[in-house]
Amino acid sequence: MRAKRRKFTAAFKAQVAIAALKERETLEELTKRFEVQPALISRWKQEFLARSSEIFETHPPEEDFEAEREKLYAKIGQLEVERDWLKKISKRAGL
């Protein structure tokens, strides 16, 4: 019977890669600590170094922020209208 293949999150891979970059522990110690193969640690470290520049290249899109803000303001307006309508109806009903 074959063992199930483990899946690792991006956060875990980044944690392992950063630990490998710090070089405070040997590859063998990292292997024992994180319970992954040394080849995986080396691959994640290389990928982390190769793609690290992407972090500084991407900027949060201002358009998305503005669109989200407008959507939230519209929702607030809708809720205020509904609240006012409910107040009016409850006054008529004597509540």
N, C-alpha and C. Protein backbone atom coordinates (compact mmCIF):
# COMPACT_ATOMS: atom_id res chain seq x y z
N MET A 1 0.84 -1.18 0.00
CA MET A 1 0.00 0.00 0.00
C MET A 1 0.88 1.24 0.00
N ARG A 2 0.56 2.17 -0.86
CA ARG A 2 1.35 3.39 -0.99
C ARG A 2 0.93 4.42 0.06
N ALA A 3 1.91 5.18 0.49
CA ALA A 3 1.61 6.26 1.43
C ALA A 3 0.99 7.43 0.67
N LYS A 4 0.12 8.16 1.34
CA LYS A 4 -0.51 9.32 0.71
C LYS A 4 0.52 10.42 0.52
N ARG A 5 0.40 11.11 -0.57
CA ARG A 5 1.29 12.22 -0.88
C ARG A 5 0.90 13.42 -0.04
N ARG A 6 1.87 14.01 0.64
CA ARG A 6 1.59 15.16 1.49
C ARG A 6 1.56 16.43 0.66
N LYS A 7 0.69 17.33 1.04
CA LYS A 7 0.59 18.63 0.38
C LYS A 7 0.99 19.69 1.39
N PHE A 8 1.79 20.63 0.96
CA PHE A 8 2.29 21.68 1.85
C PHE A 8 1.72 23.02 1.42
N THR A 9 1.38 23.84 2.41
CA THR A 9 0.86 25.17 2.12
C THR A 9 2.00 26.09 1.71
N ALA A 10 1.64 27.17 1.07
CA ALA A 10 2.64 28.14 0.66
C ALA A 10 3.32 28.76 1.88
N ALA A 11 2.57 28.96 2.95
CA ALA A 11 3.14 29.54 4.17
C ALA A 11 4.19 28.60 4.78
N PHE A 12 3.90 27.30 4.76
CA PHE A 12 4.86 26.34 5.29
C PHE A 12 6.12 26.31 4.44
N LYS A 13 5.95 26.32 3.12
CA LYS A 13 7.11 26.32 2.22
C LYS A 13 7.97 27.57 2.45
N ALA A 14 7.32 28.71 2.62
CA ALA A 14 8.06 29.95 2.87
C ALA A 14 8.80 29.88 4.19
N GLN A 15 8.18 29.32 5.20
CA GLN A 15 8.81 29.19 6.51
C GLN A 15 10.05 28.32 6.41
N VAL A 16 9.96 27.21 5.70
CA VAL A 16 11.10 26.31 5.54
C VAL A 16 12.20 27.00 4.74
N ALA A 17 11.82 27.69 3.66
CA ALA A 17 12.80 28.37 2.82
C ALA A 17 13.53 29.46 3.60
N ILE A 18 12.82 30.20 4.41
CA ILE A 18 13.45 31.26 5.21
C ILE A 18 14.40 30.65 6.24
N ALA A 19 13.98 29.56 6.85
CA ALA A 19 14.86 28.88 7.81
C ALA A 19 16.12 28.38 7.13
N ALA A 20 15.99 27.91 5.89
CA ALA A 20 17.16 27.45 5.14
C ALA A 20 18.07 28.62 4.77
N LEU A 21 17.47 29.76 4.46
CA LEU A 21 18.26 30.93 4.09
C LEU A 21 19.04 31.50 5.28
N LYS A 22 18.48 31.37 6.45
CA LYS A 22 19.16 31.89 7.64
C LYS A 22 20.43 31.13 7.95
N GLU A 23 20.49 29.87 7.53
CA GLU A 23 21.66 29.01 7.71
C GLU A 23 22.10 28.88 9.17
N ARG A 24 21.14 28.91 10.06
CA ARG A 24 21.44 28.68 11.48
C ARG A 24 21.47 27.19 11.80
N GLU A 25 20.82 26.41 10.93
CA GLU A 25 20.78 24.97 11.10
C GLU A 25 21.24 24.32 9.80
N THR A 26 21.78 23.12 9.92
CA THR A 26 22.20 22.40 8.73
C THR A 26 20.97 21.87 8.00
N LEU A 27 21.20 21.44 6.78
CA LEU A 27 20.11 20.88 5.99
C LEU A 27 19.55 19.63 6.67
N GLU A 28 20.41 18.86 7.29
CA GLU A 28 19.96 17.66 8.00
C GLU A 28 19.09 18.02 9.19
N GLU A 29 19.45 19.07 9.91
CA GLU A 29 18.64 19.50 11.06
C GLU A 29 17.28 20.03 10.60
N LEU A 30 17.28 20.76 9.50
CA LEU A 30 16.02 21.26 8.96
C LEU A 30 15.13 20.11 8.50
N THR A 31 15.74 19.10 7.92
CA THR A 31 15.00 17.92 7.48
C THR A 31 14.29 17.26 8.64
N LYS A 32 14.98 17.11 9.74
CA LYS A 32 14.38 16.49 10.92
C LYS A 32 13.32 17.40 11.54
N ARG A 33 13.62 18.68 11.59
CA ARG A 33 12.70 19.63 12.22
C ARG A 33 11.38 19.75 11.47
N PHE A 34 11.44 19.85 10.14
CA PHE A 34 10.23 20.05 9.35
C PHE A 34 9.68 18.76 8.74
N GLU A 35 10.43 17.67 8.89
CA GLU A 35 10.02 16.36 8.38
C GLU A 35 9.75 16.37 6.88
N VAL A 36 10.67 16.94 6.13
CA VAL A 36 10.62 16.93 4.67
C VAL A 36 11.99 16.52 4.14
N GLN A 37 12.02 16.12 2.90
CA GLN A 37 13.26 15.68 2.28
C GLN A 37 14.20 16.87 2.02
N PRO A 38 15.51 16.64 2.09
CA PRO A 38 16.47 17.72 1.83
C PRO A 38 16.33 18.32 0.43
N ALA A 39 15.98 17.49 -0.54
CA ALA A 39 15.81 17.99 -1.90
C ALA A 39 14.67 19.00 -1.97
N LEU A 40 13.60 18.74 -1.22
CA LEU A 40 12.47 19.68 -1.19
C LEU A 40 12.90 21.01 -0.59
N ILE A 41 13.64 20.94 0.49
CA ILE A 41 14.09 22.18 1.14
C ILE A 41 14.94 22.99 0.18
N SER A 42 15.86 22.33 -0.51
CA SER A 42 16.72 23.02 -1.48
C SER A 42 15.91 23.62 -2.61
N ARG A 43 14.92 22.87 -3.11
CA ARG A 43 14.08 23.36 -4.21
C ARG A 43 13.26 24.57 -3.77
N TRP A 44 12.67 24.49 -2.57
CA TRP A 44 11.87 25.62 -2.07
C TRP A 44 12.74 26.85 -1.84
N LYS A 45 13.96 26.65 -1.37
CA LYS A 45 14.88 27.76 -1.14
C LYS A 45 15.22 28.43 -2.47
N GLN A 46 15.52 27.64 -3.50
CA GLN A 46 15.84 28.20 -4.81
C GLN A 46 14.65 28.94 -5.41
N GLU A 47 13.47 28.35 -5.27
CA GLU A 47 12.27 28.99 -5.81
C GLU A 47 11.97 30.29 -5.06
N PHE A 48 12.18 30.28 -3.75
CA PHE A 48 11.97 31.48 -2.95
C PHE A 48 12.90 32.60 -3.40
N LEU A 49 14.15 32.28 -3.61
CA LEU A 49 15.12 33.28 -4.07
C LEU A 49 14.79 33.78 -5.47
N ALA A 50 14.38 32.87 -6.34
CA ALA A 50 14.09 33.25 -7.72
C ALA A 50 12.85 34.15 -7.82
N ARG A 51 11.86 33.91 -6.97
CA ARG A 51 10.61 34.65 -7.08
C ARG A 51 10.45 35.76 -6.05
N SER A 52 11.46 35.99 -5.25
CA SER A 52 11.34 37.00 -4.20
C SER A 52 11.19 38.42 -4.76
N SER A 53 11.71 38.67 -5.94
CA SER A 53 11.58 40.01 -6.51
C SER A 53 10.13 40.35 -6.86
N GLU A 54 9.29 39.34 -7.05
CA GLU A 54 7.88 39.58 -7.37
C GLU A 54 7.16 40.33 -6.26
N ILE A 55 7.60 40.15 -5.05
CA ILE A 55 6.96 40.80 -3.91
C ILE A 55 7.07 42.31 -4.05
N PHE A 56 8.21 42.79 -4.49
CA PHE A 56 8.43 44.22 -4.57
C PHE A 56 7.94 44.81 -5.89
N GLU A 57 7.69 43.98 -6.88
CA GLU A 57 7.22 44.47 -8.17
C GLU A 57 5.72 44.74 -8.17
N THR A 58 4.97 43.96 -7.44
CA THR A 58 3.53 44.12 -7.48
C THR A 58 3.10 45.19 -6.48
N HIS A 59 2.17 46.00 -6.90
CA HIS A 59 1.61 47.04 -6.05
C HIS A 59 0.12 46.77 -5.91
N PRO A 60 -0.45 47.08 -4.78
CA PRO A 60 -1.89 46.86 -4.64
C PRO A 60 -2.64 47.76 -5.61
N PRO A 61 -3.50 47.20 -6.40
CA PRO A 61 -4.22 48.00 -7.38
C PRO A 61 -5.18 48.99 -6.70
N GLU A 62 -5.02 50.24 -7.04
CA GLU A 62 -5.86 51.29 -6.47
C GLU A 62 -7.30 51.17 -6.97
N GLU A 63 -7.46 50.67 -8.20
CA GLU A 63 -8.80 50.54 -8.77
C GLU A 63 -9.65 49.60 -7.92
N ASP A 64 -9.06 48.51 -7.49
CA ASP A 64 -9.80 47.56 -6.68
C ASP A 64 -10.21 48.18 -5.35
N PHE A 65 -9.31 48.97 -4.78
CA PHE A 65 -9.61 49.64 -3.52
C PHE A 65 -10.78 50.60 -3.70
N GLU A 66 -10.74 51.39 -4.76
CA GLU A 66 -11.80 52.36 -5.01
C GLU A 66 -13.13 51.66 -5.31
N ALA A 67 -13.08 50.60 -6.06
CA ALA A 67 -14.30 49.86 -6.39
C ALA A 67 -14.90 49.26 -5.11
N GLU A 68 -14.05 48.72 -4.26
CA GLU A 68 -14.52 48.14 -3.00
C GLU A 68 -15.13 49.22 -2.10
N ARG A 69 -14.49 50.38 -2.07
CA ARG A 69 -15.01 51.49 -1.27
C ARG A 69 -16.38 51.91 -1.76
N GLU A 70 -16.54 52.07 -3.07
CA GLU A 70 -17.83 52.48 -3.62
C GLU A 70 -18.91 51.43 -3.32
N LYS A 71 -18.55 50.16 -3.41
CA LYS A 71 -19.49 49.09 -3.12
C LYS A 71 -19.93 49.15 -1.66
N LEU A 72 -19.00 49.41 -0.76
CA LEU A 72 -19.33 49.48 0.66
C LEU A 72 -20.20 50.70 0.98
N TYR A 73 -19.89 51.84 0.36
CA TYR A 73 -20.72 53.03 0.57
C TYR A 73 -22.14 52.80 0.05
N ALA A 74 -22.27 52.11 -1.07
CA ALA A 74 -23.60 51.80 -1.61
C ALA A 74 -24.36 50.90 -0.65
N LYS A 75 -23.68 49.94 -0.08
CA LYS A 75 -24.32 49.03 0.88
C LYS A 75 -24.76 49.79 2.13
N ILE A 76 -23.92 50.71 2.61
CA ILE A 76 -24.29 51.53 3.78
C ILE A 76 -25.54 52.34 3.48
N GLY A 77 -25.57 52.94 2.29
CA GLY A 77 -26.75 53.72 1.90
C GLY A 77 -28.00 52.87 1.86
N GLN A 78 -27.88 51.68 1.29
CA GLN A 78 -29.02 50.77 1.21
C GLN A 78 -29.51 50.39 2.60
N LEU A 79 -28.59 50.10 3.50
CA LEU A 79 -28.97 49.72 4.86
C LEU A 79 -29.63 50.86 5.61
N GLU A 80 -29.17 52.09 5.38
CA GLU A 80 -29.79 53.24 6.02
C GLU A 80 -31.22 53.44 5.53
N VAL A 81 -31.43 53.27 4.23
CA VAL A 81 -32.78 53.40 3.68
C VAL A 81 -33.69 52.34 4.27
N GLU A 82 -33.20 51.10 4.35
CA GLU A 82 -34.00 50.02 4.92
C GLU A 82 -34.31 50.28 6.39
N ARG A 83 -33.33 50.79 7.14
CA ARG A 83 -33.56 51.08 8.56
C ARG A 83 -34.61 52.16 8.71
N ASP A 84 -34.52 53.23 7.92
CA ASP A 84 -35.50 54.30 8.00
C ASP A 84 -36.90 53.79 7.65
N TRP A 85 -36.99 52.92 6.64
CA TRP A 85 -38.28 52.36 6.24
C TRP A 85 -38.85 51.53 7.38
N LEU A 86 -38.01 50.72 8.02
CA LEU A 86 -38.48 49.90 9.13
C LEU A 86 -38.94 50.75 10.32
N LYS A 87 -38.25 51.85 10.59
CA LYS A 87 -38.68 52.76 11.66
C LYS A 87 -40.06 53.33 11.35
N LYS A 88 -40.25 53.72 10.10
CA LYS A 88 -41.51 54.31 9.67
C LYS A 88 -42.66 53.30 9.80
N ILE A 89 -42.41 52.08 9.37
CA ILE A 89 -43.44 51.04 9.42
C ILE A 89 -43.73 50.67 10.88
N SER A 90 -42.71 50.58 11.72
CA SER A 90 -42.95 50.21 13.11
C SER A 90 -43.70 51.32 13.86
N LYS A 91 -43.49 52.59 13.48
CA LYS A 91 -44.23 53.69 14.09
C LYS A 91 -45.71 53.58 13.76
N ARG A 92 -45.99 53.25 12.50
CA ARG A 92 -47.39 53.11 12.06
C ARG A 92 -48.06 51.95 12.78
N ALA A 93 -47.29 50.89 13.01
CA ALA A 93 -47.86 49.71 13.66
C ALA A 93 -47.96 49.91 15.18
N GLY A 94 -47.36 50.96 15.70
CA GLY A 94 -47.43 51.27 17.11
C GLY A 94 -46.43 50.49 17.94
N LEU A 95 -45.36 50.07 17.32
CA LEU A 95 -44.33 49.32 18.05
C LEU A 95 -43.27 50.21 18.60
